[in-house]
N, C-alpha and C. Protein backbone atom coordinates (compact mmCIF):
# COMPACT_ATOMS: atom_id res chain seq x y z
N MET A 1 -18.37 14.94 53.73
CA MET A 1 -18.72 15.70 54.75
C MET A 1 -20.00 14.99 55.59
N GLN A 2 -20.20 14.82 56.60
CA GLN A 2 -21.31 14.36 57.19
C GLN A 2 -22.24 15.22 57.56
N ASP A 3 -23.47 15.23 57.32
CA ASP A 3 -24.86 16.13 57.64
C ASP A 3 -24.96 15.64 58.90
N THR A 4 -24.77 16.60 60.16
CA THR A 4 -25.08 16.01 61.52
C THR A 4 -26.65 15.97 61.57
N TYR A 5 -27.45 16.72 60.90
CA TYR A 5 -28.81 16.30 60.41
C TYR A 5 -29.33 14.87 60.84
N TYR A 6 -28.63 14.02 60.07
CA TYR A 6 -29.03 12.67 60.37
C TYR A 6 -28.55 11.96 61.27
N GLN A 7 -27.93 12.46 62.29
CA GLN A 7 -27.20 11.97 63.43
C GLN A 7 -28.24 12.59 64.70
N ARG A 8 -29.56 13.32 64.40
CA ARG A 8 -30.29 13.78 65.52
C ARG A 8 -31.14 12.55 66.04
N SER A 9 -31.89 12.69 67.16
CA SER A 9 -32.39 11.72 67.86
C SER A 9 -34.17 11.74 67.55
N GLU A 10 -34.46 12.98 67.12
CA GLU A 10 -35.83 12.91 66.57
C GLU A 10 -36.30 11.98 65.47
N VAL A 11 -37.39 11.94 65.31
CA VAL A 11 -37.93 10.76 64.34
C VAL A 11 -38.47 11.48 63.00
N SER A 12 -37.57 10.91 61.95
CA SER A 12 -37.77 11.77 60.72
C SER A 12 -38.78 10.86 59.80
N ASN A 13 -39.32 11.56 58.57
CA ASN A 13 -39.65 10.40 57.58
C ASN A 13 -39.23 9.40 57.12
N SER A 14 -37.78 9.65 57.09
CA SER A 14 -36.57 8.51 56.77
C SER A 14 -36.93 7.16 57.76
N ASP A 15 -36.68 7.65 59.06
CA ASP A 15 -37.08 6.55 59.92
C ASP A 15 -38.34 5.95 59.94
N LEU A 16 -39.53 6.40 59.49
CA LEU A 16 -40.90 5.51 59.16
C LEU A 16 -40.57 4.77 57.80
N THR A 17 -39.77 5.09 57.10
CA THR A 17 -39.52 4.55 55.83
C THR A 17 -38.98 3.35 56.21
N GLU A 18 -37.59 3.48 56.97
CA GLU A 18 -36.85 2.27 57.65
C GLU A 18 -37.62 1.29 58.08
N LEU A 19 -38.62 1.71 59.00
CA LEU A 19 -39.54 0.72 59.83
C LEU A 19 -40.50 0.20 59.04
N LYS A 20 -40.96 0.83 57.93
CA LYS A 20 -42.06 0.05 57.13
C LYS A 20 -41.21 -1.10 56.16
N SER A 21 -40.20 -0.66 56.05
CA SER A 21 -39.44 -1.68 55.05
C SER A 21 -39.29 -3.21 55.93
N LEU A 22 -39.05 -2.71 57.38
CA LEU A 22 -38.99 -3.94 58.23
C LEU A 22 -40.22 -4.65 58.31
N LEU A 23 -41.29 -3.71 58.69
CA LEU A 23 -42.78 -4.52 58.64
C LEU A 23 -43.11 -5.03 57.53
N TYR A 24 -43.07 -4.46 56.53
CA TYR A 24 -44.01 -4.93 55.29
C TYR A 24 -42.65 -4.88 54.24
N PRO A 25 -41.53 -5.93 54.05
CA PRO A 25 -40.82 -5.76 52.98
C PRO A 25 -41.56 -6.26 51.88
N ARG A 26 -41.00 -5.67 50.79
CA ARG A 26 -41.29 -5.87 49.48
C ARG A 26 -40.29 -5.87 48.27
N THR A 27 -40.30 -6.54 47.30
CA THR A 27 -39.18 -6.33 46.30
C THR A 27 -38.69 -5.07 45.73
N GLN A 28 -37.54 -5.18 45.79
CA GLN A 28 -36.99 -3.91 45.29
C GLN A 28 -36.64 -3.76 43.55
N TYR A 29 -37.11 -3.10 43.09
CA TYR A 29 -37.10 -2.71 41.45
C TYR A 29 -35.87 -1.72 41.25
N GLY A 30 -35.00 -2.17 40.39
CA GLY A 30 -33.84 -1.46 40.04
C GLY A 30 -32.93 -1.13 41.29
N ASP A 31 -32.07 -0.34 40.89
CA ASP A 31 -30.61 -0.30 42.10
C ASP A 31 -30.97 1.22 42.73
N LYS A 32 -31.57 0.77 44.19
CA LYS A 32 -32.05 1.96 45.15
C LYS A 32 -30.86 2.86 45.49
N GLU A 33 -29.72 2.28 45.29
CA GLU A 33 -28.27 3.09 46.21
C GLU A 33 -28.00 4.18 44.64
N LYS A 34 -28.00 3.52 43.71
CA LYS A 34 -27.51 4.20 42.24
C LYS A 34 -28.70 5.39 42.39
N ALA A 35 -30.21 5.21 42.43
CA ALA A 35 -31.10 6.29 42.11
C ALA A 35 -30.90 7.27 43.36
N PHE A 36 -30.54 6.75 44.77
CA PHE A 36 -30.47 7.65 45.81
C PHE A 36 -29.16 8.62 45.68
N LYS A 37 -28.27 7.94 45.08
CA LYS A 37 -26.66 8.63 44.95
C LYS A 37 -27.02 9.91 43.33
N PHE A 38 -27.86 9.53 42.46
CA PHE A 38 -27.89 10.32 41.69
C PHE A 38 -29.34 11.31 41.85
N GLY A 39 -30.05 11.24 42.67
CA GLY A 39 -31.04 12.12 43.56
C GLY A 39 -30.14 12.98 43.91
N SER A 40 -29.40 12.70 45.12
CA SER A 40 -28.46 13.60 46.01
C SER A 40 -27.55 14.40 44.74
N LEU A 41 -27.47 14.21 43.72
CA LEU A 41 -26.31 15.08 42.65
C LEU A 41 -27.39 16.28 42.42
N VAL A 42 -28.73 15.79 41.94
CA VAL A 42 -29.57 17.08 41.31
C VAL A 42 -29.72 17.87 42.57
N ASP A 43 -30.62 17.37 43.73
CA ASP A 43 -30.53 18.23 44.84
C ASP A 43 -29.40 19.09 45.17
N ALA A 44 -28.16 18.53 45.33
CA ALA A 44 -27.04 19.51 45.77
C ALA A 44 -27.11 20.51 44.76
N MET A 45 -27.06 20.02 43.28
CA MET A 45 -26.90 21.75 42.20
C MET A 45 -27.88 22.28 42.58
N LEU A 46 -28.92 21.99 42.63
CA LEU A 46 -30.05 22.93 43.19
C LEU A 46 -30.18 23.74 44.57
N THR A 47 -30.01 22.82 45.20
CA THR A 47 -30.32 23.39 46.88
C THR A 47 -28.85 23.37 47.76
N GLU A 48 -27.71 23.19 47.37
CA GLU A 48 -26.68 23.05 47.77
C GLU A 48 -25.25 23.39 47.27
N PRO A 49 -25.57 24.34 46.30
CA PRO A 49 -24.39 24.48 45.30
C PRO A 49 -23.07 24.50 45.84
N GLU A 50 -22.92 24.82 47.06
CA GLU A 50 -21.43 25.11 47.66
C GLU A 50 -20.74 23.65 47.82
N ARG A 51 -21.54 22.58 47.76
CA ARG A 51 -21.10 21.22 47.85
C ARG A 51 -20.34 20.70 46.58
N VAL A 52 -20.73 21.33 45.57
CA VAL A 52 -20.62 20.92 44.08
C VAL A 52 -19.42 21.37 43.41
N ARG A 53 -18.70 20.12 42.98
CA ARG A 53 -17.15 20.87 42.43
C ARG A 53 -17.53 20.41 40.54
N TYR A 54 -17.69 21.56 39.82
CA TYR A 54 -18.17 21.04 38.64
C TYR A 54 -16.82 20.60 37.80
N ASP A 55 -15.64 21.32 38.09
CA ASP A 55 -14.51 20.93 37.40
C ASP A 55 -14.14 19.28 37.68
N LYS A 56 -14.40 18.91 38.92
CA LYS A 56 -14.05 17.53 39.42
C LYS A 56 -15.24 16.38 39.25
N HIS A 57 -16.24 17.16 38.95
CA HIS A 57 -17.63 16.18 38.80
C HIS A 57 -17.92 15.40 40.38
N THR A 58 -17.78 16.31 41.45
CA THR A 58 -17.81 15.64 42.72
C THR A 58 -19.04 16.49 43.63
N VAL A 59 -19.51 15.75 44.44
CA VAL A 59 -20.04 16.31 45.64
C VAL A 59 -19.73 16.12 47.02
N ASP A 60 -19.10 17.01 47.33
CA ASP A 60 -18.37 16.67 48.62
C ASP A 60 -17.09 15.44 48.06
N ASP A 61 -16.85 14.52 48.69
CA ASP A 61 -16.02 13.66 47.95
C ASP A 61 -16.45 12.44 47.25
N VAL A 62 -17.94 12.57 46.81
CA VAL A 62 -18.15 11.49 46.17
C VAL A 62 -18.36 12.14 44.47
N LEU A 63 -17.75 11.09 43.72
CA LEU A 63 -17.59 11.10 42.22
C LEU A 63 -18.58 10.53 41.50
N TYR A 64 -19.11 11.57 40.29
CA TYR A 64 -20.17 11.05 39.61
C TYR A 64 -19.47 10.91 37.92
N SER A 65 -20.19 9.92 37.20
CA SER A 65 -19.77 9.90 35.84
C SER A 65 -20.12 11.04 35.17
N GLY A 66 -19.47 11.03 33.90
CA GLY A 66 -19.97 12.15 33.12
C GLY A 66 -21.19 11.94 32.47
N GLU A 67 -21.67 10.87 32.34
CA GLU A 67 -23.03 10.55 31.98
C GLU A 67 -24.00 11.18 32.91
N ASP A 68 -23.94 10.89 34.30
CA ASP A 68 -24.81 11.23 35.18
C ASP A 68 -24.36 12.82 35.27
N TRP A 69 -23.47 13.26 35.34
CA TRP A 69 -23.63 14.72 35.46
C TRP A 69 -23.98 15.53 34.38
N GLU A 70 -24.04 15.17 32.91
CA GLU A 70 -24.72 15.82 31.97
C GLU A 70 -26.33 15.49 31.93
N LEU A 71 -26.70 14.34 32.56
CA LEU A 71 -28.11 14.16 32.55
C LEU A 71 -28.66 15.05 33.81
N ALA A 72 -28.13 15.30 34.95
CA ALA A 72 -28.49 15.90 35.92
C ALA A 72 -28.54 17.51 35.36
N GLN A 73 -27.69 17.82 34.45
CA GLN A 73 -27.42 19.12 34.24
C GLN A 73 -28.66 19.65 33.19
N ALA A 74 -28.95 18.57 32.33
CA ALA A 74 -29.97 18.72 31.76
C ALA A 74 -31.12 18.78 32.06
N MET A 75 -31.40 17.95 33.31
CA MET A 75 -32.78 17.86 34.22
C MET A 75 -32.98 19.44 34.67
N ILE A 76 -31.90 20.15 35.56
CA ILE A 76 -32.02 21.15 35.89
C ILE A 76 -32.56 22.05 35.10
N LYS A 77 -31.63 21.96 33.81
CA LYS A 77 -31.95 23.22 32.66
C LYS A 77 -33.58 23.05 32.47
N SER A 78 -34.20 21.98 32.01
CA SER A 78 -35.46 21.76 32.17
C SER A 78 -36.46 22.52 33.28
N LEU A 79 -35.90 22.29 34.28
CA LEU A 79 -36.73 22.74 35.57
C LEU A 79 -36.76 24.41 35.60
N ARG A 80 -35.62 24.86 34.93
CA ARG A 80 -35.27 26.30 35.13
C ARG A 80 -36.17 26.93 33.73
N MET A 81 -36.43 26.15 32.61
CA MET A 81 -37.00 26.53 31.58
C MET A 81 -38.80 26.60 31.94
N GLU A 82 -38.92 25.46 32.96
CA GLU A 82 -40.16 25.20 33.34
C GLU A 82 -40.70 26.44 34.22
N ALA A 83 -39.82 27.14 34.85
CA ALA A 83 -39.95 28.08 35.85
C ALA A 83 -40.49 29.36 34.96
N ARG A 84 -39.95 29.45 33.69
CA ARG A 84 -40.37 30.56 32.87
C ARG A 84 -42.07 30.85 32.72
N HIS A 85 -42.67 29.74 32.72
CA HIS A 85 -43.95 29.98 32.74
C HIS A 85 -44.93 29.18 34.15
N ASP A 86 -44.20 29.33 35.14
CA ASP A 86 -44.68 28.66 36.35
C ASP A 86 -44.45 29.79 37.52
N PRO A 87 -45.34 30.58 37.77
CA PRO A 87 -44.95 31.41 38.70
C PRO A 87 -44.42 31.06 40.16
N LEU A 88 -45.07 29.87 40.48
CA LEU A 88 -44.51 29.48 42.04
C LEU A 88 -43.34 28.95 41.69
N LEU A 89 -43.06 27.97 40.93
CA LEU A 89 -41.50 27.66 40.81
C LEU A 89 -40.48 28.72 40.51
N ALA A 90 -40.85 29.85 39.90
CA ALA A 90 -39.92 30.81 39.70
C ALA A 90 -39.70 31.54 41.00
N GLN A 91 -40.80 31.50 42.06
CA GLN A 91 -40.52 31.90 43.26
C GLN A 91 -39.62 31.05 44.09
N VAL A 92 -40.06 29.75 43.87
CA VAL A 92 -39.27 28.68 44.55
C VAL A 92 -37.65 28.97 44.29
N LEU A 93 -37.31 28.75 43.02
CA LEU A 93 -35.83 28.90 42.78
C LEU A 93 -35.17 30.13 42.90
N ALA A 94 -36.07 31.21 42.95
CA ALA A 94 -35.44 32.57 43.32
C ALA A 94 -35.45 32.96 44.80
N LYS A 95 -36.48 32.42 45.69
CA LYS A 95 -36.32 33.19 47.08
C LYS A 95 -36.55 31.73 48.13
N ALA A 96 -36.80 30.51 47.71
CA ALA A 96 -36.89 29.51 48.72
C ALA A 96 -35.38 29.63 49.78
N GLU A 97 -35.57 29.15 50.86
CA GLU A 97 -34.52 28.74 51.62
C GLU A 97 -34.37 27.19 51.48
N THR A 98 -33.22 26.79 51.46
CA THR A 98 -32.86 25.29 50.95
C THR A 98 -32.25 24.63 52.24
N GLN A 99 -32.72 23.54 51.96
CA GLN A 99 -31.89 22.39 53.18
C GLN A 99 -32.49 23.25 54.69
N ARG A 100 -33.67 23.62 54.60
CA ARG A 100 -34.16 24.19 56.11
C ARG A 100 -34.64 22.90 56.98
N PHE A 101 -34.03 22.87 58.21
CA PHE A 101 -34.79 21.94 58.90
C PHE A 101 -35.31 22.32 60.06
N MET A 102 -36.36 21.44 60.47
CA MET A 102 -37.27 21.80 61.55
C MET A 102 -37.52 20.87 62.57
N VAL A 103 -37.44 21.04 63.79
CA VAL A 103 -37.81 20.12 64.74
C VAL A 103 -39.09 20.38 65.63
N ASN A 104 -39.75 19.57 66.04
CA ASN A 104 -40.94 19.69 66.58
C ASN A 104 -41.06 18.86 67.96
N LYS A 105 -40.65 19.30 69.06
CA LYS A 105 -40.53 18.50 70.27
C LYS A 105 -41.89 18.41 70.92
N GLY A 106 -42.41 17.13 71.39
CA GLY A 106 -43.55 16.62 71.81
C GLY A 106 -44.59 16.92 71.08
N GLN A 107 -44.49 16.56 69.68
CA GLN A 107 -45.62 16.82 68.70
C GLN A 107 -46.56 15.74 69.06
N ARG A 108 -47.88 16.30 69.04
CA ARG A 108 -49.25 15.25 69.70
C ARG A 108 -49.49 14.44 68.36
N PHE A 109 -49.83 13.21 68.48
CA PHE A 109 -50.53 12.41 67.80
C PHE A 109 -51.68 11.55 68.38
N GLN A 110 -52.38 11.26 67.48
CA GLN A 110 -53.43 10.25 67.82
C GLN A 110 -53.55 9.05 66.88
N TYR A 111 -53.86 7.76 67.64
CA TYR A 111 -54.00 6.62 66.70
C TYR A 111 -55.26 6.06 67.23
N GLY A 112 -56.34 6.20 66.57
CA GLY A 112 -57.73 5.71 67.03
C GLY A 112 -57.83 6.72 68.16
N ASN A 113 -58.22 5.89 69.49
CA ASN A 113 -58.58 7.05 70.44
C ASN A 113 -57.35 7.17 71.51
N PHE A 114 -56.15 6.74 71.06
CA PHE A 114 -55.15 6.72 71.71
C PHE A 114 -54.10 8.30 71.42
N GLU A 115 -53.91 8.74 72.62
CA GLU A 115 -52.97 10.20 72.28
C GLU A 115 -51.51 9.96 72.80
N TYR A 116 -50.67 10.36 72.14
CA TYR A 116 -49.13 10.41 72.60
C TYR A 116 -48.43 11.35 71.84
N THR A 117 -46.85 11.44 72.18
CA THR A 117 -46.12 12.49 71.63
C THR A 117 -45.01 12.11 71.51
N LEU A 118 -44.28 12.42 70.19
CA LEU A 118 -43.14 12.11 69.58
C LEU A 118 -42.15 13.56 69.08
N ASP A 119 -40.81 13.42 69.60
CA ASP A 119 -40.09 14.43 69.02
C ASP A 119 -39.99 14.17 67.43
N THR A 120 -39.87 15.12 66.60
CA THR A 120 -40.08 14.98 65.41
C THR A 120 -39.25 15.99 64.47
N ARG A 121 -38.70 15.45 63.19
CA ARG A 121 -37.99 16.48 62.67
C ARG A 121 -38.07 16.37 61.12
N CYS A 122 -37.75 17.34 60.41
CA CYS A 122 -37.74 17.16 58.90
C CYS A 122 -36.82 18.14 58.33
N LYS A 123 -36.47 17.81 57.13
CA LYS A 123 -35.42 18.92 56.06
C LYS A 123 -35.95 19.19 54.84
N TRP A 124 -36.33 20.62 54.74
CA TRP A 124 -37.06 20.62 53.61
C TRP A 124 -35.90 20.82 52.29
N ASP A 125 -36.18 20.30 51.16
CA ASP A 125 -35.50 20.87 49.83
C ASP A 125 -35.81 22.56 49.76
N TRP A 126 -37.00 22.72 49.89
CA TRP A 126 -37.31 24.39 49.65
C TRP A 126 -38.47 24.72 50.67
N TRP A 127 -38.20 25.62 51.20
CA TRP A 127 -39.23 26.32 52.36
C TRP A 127 -39.08 27.92 51.98
N LEU A 128 -40.43 28.54 51.99
CA LEU A 128 -40.86 29.77 51.51
C LEU A 128 -41.22 30.42 52.97
N PRO A 129 -40.44 31.10 53.37
CA PRO A 129 -40.75 31.91 54.63
C PRO A 129 -41.69 32.86 54.46
N THR A 130 -41.76 33.41 53.50
CA THR A 130 -42.91 34.57 53.24
C THR A 130 -44.11 33.96 53.15
N PHE A 131 -44.14 32.77 52.58
CA PHE A 131 -45.83 32.08 52.34
C PHE A 131 -46.21 31.22 53.31
N GLY A 132 -45.17 30.58 54.45
CA GLY A 132 -45.14 29.55 55.38
C GLY A 132 -45.55 28.36 55.01
N PHE A 133 -45.15 27.87 53.70
CA PHE A 133 -45.17 26.64 53.38
C PHE A 133 -43.79 26.27 52.50
N GLY A 134 -43.85 25.13 52.17
CA GLY A 134 -42.45 24.55 51.43
C GLY A 134 -42.95 23.27 50.36
N GLY A 135 -41.70 22.71 49.95
CA GLY A 135 -42.01 21.34 49.01
C GLY A 135 -40.92 20.56 48.93
N ASP A 136 -40.96 19.84 47.72
CA ASP A 136 -39.81 18.76 47.60
C ASP A 136 -39.49 18.79 46.11
N LEU A 137 -38.13 18.14 45.91
CA LEU A 137 -37.98 17.93 44.57
C LEU A 137 -37.61 16.59 44.39
N LYS A 138 -38.17 15.93 43.44
CA LYS A 138 -37.69 14.46 42.91
C LYS A 138 -37.22 14.20 41.81
N THR A 139 -36.55 13.47 41.53
CA THR A 139 -36.01 12.79 40.14
C THR A 139 -36.75 11.42 40.15
N THR A 140 -37.30 11.14 39.05
CA THR A 140 -38.10 9.99 38.77
C THR A 140 -37.90 9.13 37.28
N PHE A 141 -38.19 8.11 37.21
CA PHE A 141 -38.29 7.59 36.24
C PHE A 141 -39.57 7.72 35.44
N ALA A 142 -40.33 8.28 36.02
CA ALA A 142 -41.69 8.26 35.32
C ALA A 142 -41.79 9.47 34.09
N SER A 143 -42.37 8.98 33.22
CA SER A 143 -42.23 9.52 31.90
C SER A 143 -43.58 10.46 31.69
N SER A 144 -44.53 10.57 32.21
CA SER A 144 -45.74 11.10 32.12
C SER A 144 -46.42 11.52 33.57
N GLN A 145 -47.19 12.29 33.44
CA GLN A 145 -47.95 12.83 34.85
C GLN A 145 -48.47 11.88 35.73
N LYS A 146 -49.16 10.81 34.85
CA LYS A 146 -49.99 10.02 35.39
C LYS A 146 -48.87 8.86 35.91
N GLN A 147 -47.77 8.78 35.21
CA GLN A 147 -46.62 7.83 36.20
C GLN A 147 -46.19 8.38 37.14
N PHE A 148 -46.24 9.69 37.30
CA PHE A 148 -45.71 10.47 38.24
C PHE A 148 -46.58 10.48 39.62
N ASP A 149 -47.78 10.59 39.21
CA ASP A 149 -48.82 10.25 40.45
C ASP A 149 -48.89 9.12 40.95
N GLU A 150 -48.62 8.16 40.21
CA GLU A 150 -48.79 6.79 40.78
C GLU A 150 -47.44 6.46 41.74
N ALA A 151 -46.62 7.13 41.17
CA ALA A 151 -45.00 7.07 42.05
C ALA A 151 -45.39 7.96 43.53
N ILE A 152 -46.06 9.00 43.33
CA ILE A 152 -46.18 9.57 44.61
C ILE A 152 -46.86 8.54 45.62
N ASP A 153 -47.90 7.88 45.47
CA ASP A 153 -48.58 6.75 46.09
C ASP A 153 -47.49 5.67 46.31
N PHE A 154 -46.98 5.20 45.22
CA PHE A 154 -45.84 3.94 45.41
C PHE A 154 -44.90 3.87 46.28
N PHE A 155 -44.15 5.36 46.23
CA PHE A 155 -42.97 5.69 47.22
C PHE A 155 -43.28 6.44 48.34
N ASP A 156 -44.49 6.68 48.86
CA ASP A 156 -45.00 7.39 49.78
C ASP A 156 -44.55 8.85 50.10
N TRP A 157 -44.32 9.29 48.81
CA TRP A 157 -44.29 10.67 48.92
C TRP A 157 -45.52 11.49 49.35
N ASP A 158 -46.59 11.20 49.48
CA ASP A 158 -47.68 11.97 49.92
C ASP A 158 -47.48 11.67 51.47
N ARG A 159 -47.04 10.68 52.11
CA ARG A 159 -46.69 10.59 53.28
C ARG A 159 -45.64 11.50 54.18
N SER A 160 -44.68 11.40 53.27
CA SER A 160 -43.81 12.67 53.52
C SER A 160 -44.40 14.23 53.53
N ARG A 161 -44.91 14.41 52.79
CA ARG A 161 -45.61 15.66 52.59
C ARG A 161 -46.64 15.76 53.65
N ALA A 162 -47.42 15.28 54.08
CA ALA A 162 -48.23 15.33 55.18
C ALA A 162 -47.42 15.40 56.44
N TRP A 163 -46.31 14.54 56.63
CA TRP A 163 -45.39 14.68 57.89
C TRP A 163 -44.57 16.07 58.00
N TYR A 164 -44.24 16.52 56.79
CA TYR A 164 -43.93 17.74 56.73
C TYR A 164 -44.57 18.62 56.95
N MET A 165 -45.95 19.02 56.36
CA MET A 165 -46.86 19.83 56.70
C MET A 165 -47.21 19.97 58.21
N ASP A 166 -47.37 18.87 58.67
CA ASP A 166 -47.87 18.78 60.24
C ASP A 166 -46.67 19.12 61.11
N ILE A 167 -45.36 19.02 60.82
CA ILE A 167 -44.27 19.18 61.64
C ILE A 167 -44.01 20.99 61.67
N ALA A 168 -44.51 21.47 60.45
CA ALA A 168 -44.28 22.78 60.10
C ALA A 168 -45.66 23.65 60.50
N GLY A 169 -46.74 22.85 60.41
CA GLY A 169 -48.20 23.61 60.65
C GLY A 169 -48.58 24.35 59.25
N SER A 170 -48.01 23.82 58.34
CA SER A 170 -48.31 24.50 56.91
C SER A 170 -49.52 23.95 56.42
N ARG A 171 -50.32 24.93 55.75
CA ARG A 171 -51.63 24.57 55.00
C ARG A 171 -51.50 24.00 53.60
N GLN A 172 -50.19 24.16 52.89
CA GLN A 172 -50.22 23.56 51.63
C GLN A 172 -48.60 23.08 51.45
N ASP A 173 -48.74 22.40 50.26
CA ASP A 173 -47.14 21.70 50.21
C ASP A 173 -47.12 21.40 48.42
N PHE A 174 -46.18 20.96 47.85
CA PHE A 174 -45.73 20.73 46.70
C PHE A 174 -44.83 19.83 46.19
N ILE A 175 -44.90 19.33 45.13
CA ILE A 175 -43.69 18.30 44.76
C ILE A 175 -43.53 18.78 43.25
N TYR A 176 -42.07 18.91 42.99
CA TYR A 176 -41.70 19.04 41.42
C TYR A 176 -40.79 17.99 41.16
N GLY A 177 -41.34 17.14 40.22
CA GLY A 177 -40.47 15.72 39.73
C GLY A 177 -39.84 16.16 38.29
N ILE A 178 -38.79 15.93 38.00
CA ILE A 178 -37.95 15.97 37.07
C ILE A 178 -37.66 14.68 36.34
N SER A 179 -38.12 14.23 35.20
CA SER A 179 -38.04 12.68 34.64
C SER A 179 -36.62 12.60 34.19
N LYS A 180 -36.04 11.09 34.63
CA LYS A 180 -34.59 10.88 34.10
C LYS A 180 -34.67 10.66 32.77
N LYS A 181 -35.74 9.98 32.16
CA LYS A 181 -36.21 9.64 30.90
C LYS A 181 -36.02 10.65 29.93
N ASN A 182 -36.91 11.74 29.90
CA ASN A 182 -37.30 12.52 29.08
C ASN A 182 -37.11 14.02 29.47
N GLN A 183 -36.83 14.27 30.93
CA GLN A 183 -36.41 15.25 31.39
C GLN A 183 -37.77 16.39 31.57
N LYS A 184 -39.11 15.73 31.43
CA LYS A 184 -39.99 16.53 31.60
C LYS A 184 -40.15 16.89 33.14
N VAL A 185 -41.05 18.08 33.51
CA VAL A 185 -41.15 18.54 34.61
C VAL A 185 -42.51 18.13 34.98
N PHE A 186 -42.82 17.28 36.45
CA PHE A 186 -44.37 17.17 36.88
C PHE A 186 -44.36 17.96 37.98
N LYS A 187 -45.84 18.02 38.28
CA LYS A 187 -45.95 18.62 39.55
C LYS A 187 -47.18 18.23 40.27
N ALA A 188 -47.08 18.31 41.73
CA ALA A 188 -48.04 17.74 42.60
C ALA A 188 -48.43 19.00 43.77
N PHE A 189 -49.65 19.18 43.92
CA PHE A 189 -49.73 20.32 44.86
C PHE A 189 -50.84 19.78 45.93
N ILE A 190 -50.37 20.05 47.28
CA ILE A 190 -51.22 19.21 48.21
C ILE A 190 -51.66 20.57 49.24
N ARG A 191 -52.85 20.15 49.47
CA ARG A 191 -53.55 21.28 50.67
C ARG A 191 -54.05 20.54 51.86
N ARG A 192 -53.75 21.03 53.08
CA ARG A 192 -54.26 20.41 54.00
C ARG A 192 -55.95 19.82 53.93
N ASN A 193 -56.19 18.71 54.30
CA ASN A 193 -57.26 17.76 54.14
C ASN A 193 -57.96 17.64 53.17
N ASP A 194 -57.09 17.80 52.02
CA ASP A 194 -57.40 17.07 50.47
C ASP A 194 -57.14 15.61 50.35
N PRO A 195 -57.60 14.99 49.58
CA PRO A 195 -57.29 13.68 49.45
C PRO A 195 -55.83 12.97 49.82
N SER A 196 -54.94 13.79 48.84
CA SER A 196 -53.50 13.46 49.09
C SER A 196 -52.98 13.62 50.41
N TYR A 197 -53.38 14.78 51.28
CA TYR A 197 -52.88 14.99 52.52
C TYR A 197 -53.31 13.73 53.55
N ARG A 198 -54.83 13.54 53.37
CA ARG A 198 -55.51 12.74 54.26
C ARG A 198 -54.70 11.21 54.06
N LYS A 199 -54.53 10.74 52.87
CA LYS A 199 -54.11 9.61 52.70
C LYS A 199 -52.66 9.65 52.93
N GLY A 200 -51.70 10.61 52.89
CA GLY A 200 -50.45 10.55 53.43
C GLY A 200 -50.30 10.57 55.16
N LYS A 201 -51.22 11.32 55.63
CA LYS A 201 -51.43 11.33 57.01
C LYS A 201 -51.85 9.81 57.81
N GLU A 202 -52.78 9.38 56.88
CA GLU A 202 -53.15 7.75 57.28
C GLU A 202 -51.90 6.88 57.31
N LYS A 203 -51.32 7.03 56.41
CA LYS A 203 -49.78 6.29 56.24
C LYS A 203 -49.00 6.51 57.45
N TYR A 204 -48.59 7.74 57.85
CA TYR A 204 -47.65 8.19 58.67
C TYR A 204 -48.16 7.57 60.24
N GLU A 205 -49.51 8.05 60.19
CA GLU A 205 -50.12 7.68 61.84
C GLU A 205 -49.86 6.21 62.30
N GLU A 206 -50.28 5.33 61.49
CA GLU A 206 -49.72 3.72 61.68
C GLU A 206 -48.44 3.70 62.10
N LEU A 207 -47.45 4.19 61.04
CA LEU A 207 -46.04 4.06 61.57
C LEU A 207 -45.57 4.92 62.67
N ALA A 208 -46.01 5.93 62.93
CA ALA A 208 -45.53 6.79 63.96
C ALA A 208 -46.03 6.09 65.48
N PHE A 209 -47.16 5.37 65.41
CA PHE A 209 -47.42 4.77 66.43
C PHE A 209 -46.82 3.40 66.68
N ARG A 210 -46.35 2.76 65.76
CA ARG A 210 -45.58 1.60 65.69
C ARG A 210 -44.14 1.86 66.41
N TRP A 211 -43.56 3.01 65.96
CA TRP A 211 -42.35 3.78 66.36
C TRP A 211 -42.34 4.00 67.85
N TRP A 212 -43.49 4.56 68.33
CA TRP A 212 -43.70 5.18 69.36
C TRP A 212 -43.87 3.81 70.58
N MET A 213 -44.58 2.86 69.97
CA MET A 213 -44.37 1.55 70.76
C MET A 213 -42.99 1.01 70.97
N LEU A 214 -42.32 0.86 69.82
CA LEU A 214 -40.95 0.70 69.84
C LEU A 214 -39.86 1.42 70.97
N ILE A 215 -40.30 2.48 71.06
CA ILE A 215 -39.12 3.19 72.10
C ILE A 215 -39.92 3.58 73.46
N SER A 216 -41.25 3.06 73.85
CA SER A 216 -41.60 3.14 74.78
C SER A 216 -41.34 2.19 76.04
């Protein structure tokens, strides 16, 4: 089942990722497609359970190995256990809207002294309408909070969070990560204008300007 969100014309964070890979190619470590496929399994189990067939080990028509299925379930169990003593996570798992997409037509950008607009979009793993902010879920090879913090910078997750915050106009954001290695749960909390947000915004500002130049 093809998600029509990905066929939309507005600029997404994924578009910026593809542009960056063209502008600044770097060595890929590990199997990117395998990691994406596994991450999609955990995402679906938590945020789109209607797509999941537990009896067949499939998400839509994608088949998963028994090993991947068991690991995904163990990771989700760890996340739910963490929610017992994390009030925000408990709220997220109980009340968040999942896979909520937003579009911002004519979003204003500034690069140096130059101003321009782009139509933008994003799709939230979790959005809390009562609080007016949301966040993201990540599966990770990190086995410690320090490694997870390093992954946020390396994989530009700070850029994605700033991008999402600015589309939504939200004041804060969060990332929960679950380790594939030891099933530990890691956390990052972002507030507007804190160092993580500013770094993420700096990253997207350059790429958004380059995107605008390509389409103008």
